[in-house]
Amino acid sequence: MKDTLELIIKNLVTNPDAVSINEVTGEKSIVLEVKVDNADMGKVIGKQGRIAKAIREIVRAVAAKEQKRVTVEFID
């Protein structure tokens, strides 16, 4: 899941070296915290959050195959 998310994010941004993804494992779910360069934050979120929603749906679909719950958070 983390690899899939990283691949998607790095292809969207201008500065792929600034992308960092932190995986926090909880009791029932996994939280993926995404940090990108401030200039690229708009590209990742998109208009009205459409790209962010699409990214979350893709990661949830991958997690569902592994029978896990995942949340994607975008950190400033």
N, C-alpha and C. Protein backbone atom coordinates (compact mmCIF):
# COMPACT_ATOMS: atom_id res chain seq x y z
N MET A 1 0.83 -1.20 0.00
CA MET A 1 0.00 0.00 0.00
C MET A 1 0.87 1.25 0.00
N LYS A 2 1.87 1.25 0.85
CA LYS A 2 2.75 2.41 0.94
C LYS A 2 3.48 2.63 -0.39
N ASP A 3 3.90 1.54 -1.03
CA ASP A 3 4.60 1.64 -2.31
C ASP A 3 3.69 2.18 -3.40
N THR A 4 2.45 1.73 -3.42
CA THR A 4 1.49 2.21 -4.39
C THR A 4 1.22 3.70 -4.21
N LEU A 5 1.04 4.11 -2.97
CA LEU A 5 0.80 5.52 -2.66
C LEU A 5 2.00 6.36 -3.06
N GLU A 6 3.18 5.88 -2.75
CA GLU A 6 4.40 6.63 -3.08
C GLU A 6 4.55 6.79 -4.60
N LEU A 7 4.25 5.76 -5.34
CA LEU A 7 4.32 5.82 -6.80
C LEU A 7 3.36 6.87 -7.35
N ILE A 8 2.15 6.87 -6.86
CA ILE A 8 1.14 7.84 -7.32
C ILE A 8 1.56 9.27 -7.00
N ILE A 9 1.96 9.50 -5.75
CA ILE A 9 2.32 10.85 -5.31
C ILE A 9 3.54 11.38 -6.07
N LYS A 10 4.57 10.55 -6.21
CA LYS A 10 5.79 11.00 -6.88
C LYS A 10 5.56 11.35 -8.34
N ASN A 11 4.58 10.71 -8.98
CA ASN A 11 4.28 11.04 -10.37
C ASN A 11 3.44 12.30 -10.51
N LEU A 12 2.83 12.76 -9.43
CA LEU A 12 2.02 13.98 -9.47
C LEU A 12 2.82 15.25 -9.21
N VAL A 13 3.84 15.15 -8.39
CA VAL A 13 4.54 16.35 -7.91
C VAL A 13 5.70 16.75 -8.81
N THR A 14 6.16 17.99 -8.66
CA THR A 14 7.30 18.50 -9.39
C THR A 14 8.61 18.09 -8.73
N ASN A 15 8.60 18.02 -7.40
CA ASN A 15 9.80 17.69 -6.64
C ASN A 15 9.61 16.35 -5.93
N PRO A 16 9.85 15.21 -6.62
CA PRO A 16 9.60 13.90 -6.00
C PRO A 16 10.55 13.56 -4.85
N ASP A 17 11.68 14.26 -4.76
CA ASP A 17 12.62 13.98 -3.67
C ASP A 17 12.09 14.47 -2.33
N ALA A 18 11.17 15.42 -2.34
CA ALA A 18 10.61 15.99 -1.10
C ALA A 18 9.45 15.17 -0.55
N VAL A 19 9.06 14.11 -1.24
CA VAL A 19 7.92 13.29 -0.80
C VAL A 19 8.38 12.34 0.29
N SER A 20 7.64 12.35 1.40
CA SER A 20 7.90 11.38 2.46
C SER A 20 6.56 10.83 2.96
N ILE A 21 6.54 9.53 3.17
CA ILE A 21 5.34 8.86 3.64
C ILE A 21 5.67 8.10 4.91
N ASN A 22 4.95 8.44 5.97
CA ASN A 22 5.14 7.80 7.27
C ASN A 22 3.97 6.86 7.54
N GLU A 23 4.28 5.63 7.88
CA GLU A 23 3.23 4.64 8.15
C GLU A 23 3.09 4.45 9.65
N VAL A 24 1.89 4.74 10.17
CA VAL A 24 1.60 4.58 11.59
C VAL A 24 0.60 3.43 11.72
N THR A 25 1.03 2.37 12.37
CA THR A 25 0.17 1.20 12.51
C THR A 25 -0.53 1.25 13.86
N GLY A 26 -1.85 1.18 13.82
CA GLY A 26 -2.64 1.17 15.04
C GLY A 26 -3.21 -0.21 15.30
N GLU A 27 -4.14 -0.28 16.25
CA GLU A 27 -4.76 -1.56 16.59
C GLU A 27 -5.59 -2.11 15.44
N LYS A 28 -6.44 -1.26 14.89
CA LYS A 28 -7.37 -1.73 13.87
C LYS A 28 -7.10 -1.18 12.47
N SER A 29 -6.25 -0.17 12.38
CA SER A 29 -6.05 0.45 11.06
C SER A 29 -4.62 0.96 10.90
N ILE A 30 -4.32 1.34 9.68
CA ILE A 30 -3.02 1.90 9.33
C ILE A 30 -3.26 3.32 8.84
N VAL A 31 -2.44 4.25 9.30
CA VAL A 31 -2.52 5.64 8.86
C VAL A 31 -1.26 5.94 8.06
N LEU A 32 -1.45 6.42 6.84
CA LEU A 32 -0.34 6.82 6.00
C LEU A 32 -0.31 8.34 5.94
N GLU A 33 0.75 8.92 6.49
CA GLU A 33 0.90 10.38 6.53
C GLU A 33 1.80 10.81 5.37
N VAL A 34 1.26 11.63 4.50
CA VAL A 34 1.99 12.06 3.31
C VAL A 34 2.45 13.50 3.49
N LYS A 35 3.75 13.73 3.28
CA LYS A 35 4.30 15.09 3.31
C LYS A 35 4.93 15.36 1.95
N VAL A 36 4.57 16.50 1.37
CA VAL A 36 5.16 16.94 0.10
C VAL A 36 5.63 18.38 0.26
N ASP A 37 6.36 18.85 -0.73
CA ASP A 37 6.80 20.24 -0.74
C ASP A 37 5.58 21.16 -0.77
N ASN A 38 5.67 22.30 -0.12
CA ASN A 38 4.54 23.23 -0.06
C ASN A 38 4.05 23.65 -1.45
N ALA A 39 4.96 23.76 -2.40
CA ALA A 39 4.58 24.15 -3.76
C ALA A 39 3.77 23.05 -4.45
N ASP A 40 3.95 21.81 -4.04
CA ASP A 40 3.26 20.68 -4.66
C ASP A 40 1.97 20.27 -3.96
N MET A 41 1.66 20.88 -2.84
CA MET A 41 0.48 20.47 -2.07
C MET A 41 -0.80 20.65 -2.88
N GLY A 42 -0.89 21.70 -3.65
CA GLY A 42 -2.08 21.94 -4.46
C GLY A 42 -2.26 20.88 -5.54
N LYS A 43 -1.16 20.39 -6.08
CA LYS A 43 -1.23 19.34 -7.10
C LYS A 43 -1.73 18.03 -6.51
N VAL A 44 -1.37 17.76 -5.29
CA VAL A 44 -1.75 16.51 -4.64
C VAL A 44 -3.21 16.55 -4.19
N ILE A 45 -3.66 17.70 -3.71
CA ILE A 45 -5.03 17.82 -3.23
C ILE A 45 -6.01 18.04 -4.38
N GLY A 46 -5.66 18.89 -5.32
CA GLY A 46 -6.51 19.13 -6.48
C GLY A 46 -7.66 20.07 -6.17
N LYS A 47 -8.42 20.40 -7.21
CA LYS A 47 -9.55 21.30 -7.03
C LYS A 47 -10.63 20.62 -6.22
N GLN A 48 -11.04 21.28 -5.17
CA GLN A 48 -12.07 20.79 -4.25
C GLN A 48 -11.74 19.41 -3.68
N GLY A 49 -10.43 19.07 -3.65
CA GLY A 49 -10.00 17.82 -3.04
C GLY A 49 -10.26 16.58 -3.88
N ARG A 50 -10.48 16.76 -5.16
CA ARG A 50 -10.84 15.62 -6.02
C ARG A 50 -9.70 14.63 -6.17
N ILE A 51 -8.48 15.12 -6.36
CA ILE A 51 -7.34 14.22 -6.52
C ILE A 51 -7.06 13.49 -5.21
N ALA A 52 -7.16 14.21 -4.08
CA ALA A 52 -6.95 13.59 -2.78
C ALA A 52 -7.97 12.48 -2.53
N LYS A 53 -9.22 12.72 -2.90
CA LYS A 53 -10.27 11.69 -2.74
C LYS A 53 -9.96 10.48 -3.61
N ALA A 54 -9.51 10.71 -4.83
CA ALA A 54 -9.19 9.61 -5.74
C ALA A 54 -8.02 8.79 -5.20
N ILE A 55 -7.01 9.47 -4.67
CA ILE A 55 -5.86 8.77 -4.09
C ILE A 55 -6.31 7.92 -2.91
N ARG A 56 -7.15 8.48 -2.05
CA ARG A 56 -7.66 7.72 -0.90
C ARG A 56 -8.44 6.48 -1.34
N GLU A 57 -9.25 6.62 -2.38
CA GLU A 57 -10.05 5.48 -2.87
C GLU A 57 -9.16 4.38 -3.42
N ILE A 58 -8.11 4.74 -4.14
CA ILE A 58 -7.19 3.74 -4.69
C ILE A 58 -6.50 2.99 -3.57
N VAL A 59 -6.03 3.71 -2.56
CA VAL A 59 -5.33 3.06 -1.45
C VAL A 59 -6.30 2.18 -0.65
N ARG A 60 -7.54 2.62 -0.47
CA ARG A 60 -8.54 1.79 0.22
C ARG A 60 -8.81 0.51 -0.56
N ALA A 61 -8.85 0.59 -1.88
CA ALA A 61 -9.08 -0.60 -2.70
C ALA A 61 -7.94 -1.59 -2.56
N VAL A 62 -6.71 -1.09 -2.54
CA VAL A 62 -5.55 -1.97 -2.36
C VAL A 62 -5.59 -2.60 -0.97
N ALA A 63 -5.97 -1.80 0.03
CA ALA A 63 -6.03 -2.31 1.41
C ALA A 63 -7.15 -3.33 1.57
N ALA A 64 -8.24 -3.15 0.86
CA ALA A 64 -9.36 -4.09 0.96
C ALA A 64 -8.96 -5.47 0.48
N LYS A 65 -8.10 -5.52 -0.52
CA LYS A 65 -7.61 -6.81 -1.00
C LYS A 65 -6.81 -7.53 0.08
N GLU A 66 -6.11 -6.76 0.90
CA GLU A 66 -5.32 -7.32 1.99
C GLU A 66 -6.12 -7.39 3.30
N GLN A 67 -7.39 -7.04 3.24
CA GLN A 67 -8.30 -7.04 4.38
C GLN A 67 -7.78 -6.18 5.53
N LYS A 68 -7.40 -4.95 5.19
CA LYS A 68 -6.91 -3.98 6.17
C LYS A 68 -7.66 -2.67 5.97
N ARG A 69 -7.64 -1.82 6.99
CA ARG A 69 -8.24 -0.49 6.91
C ARG A 69 -7.11 0.54 6.86
N VAL A 70 -7.22 1.44 5.94
CA VAL A 70 -6.17 2.44 5.75
C VAL A 70 -6.77 3.82 5.65
N THR A 71 -6.08 4.79 6.25
CA THR A 71 -6.44 6.20 6.15
C THR A 71 -5.24 6.94 5.61
N VAL A 72 -5.47 7.82 4.65
CA VAL A 72 -4.40 8.63 4.07
C VAL A 72 -4.61 10.07 4.54
N GLU A 73 -3.56 10.64 5.16
CA GLU A 73 -3.61 12.02 5.64
C GLU A 73 -2.52 12.81 4.96
N PHE A 74 -2.86 14.02 4.53
CA PHE A 74 -1.90 14.91 3.91
C PHE A 74 -1.46 15.95 4.93
N ILE A 75 -0.17 15.96 5.25
CA ILE A 75 0.39 16.82 6.30
C ILE A 75 1.08 18.02 5.65
N ASP A 76 0.86 19.22 6.20
CA ASP A 76 1.53 20.42 5.69
C ASP A 76 2.98 20.43 6.10
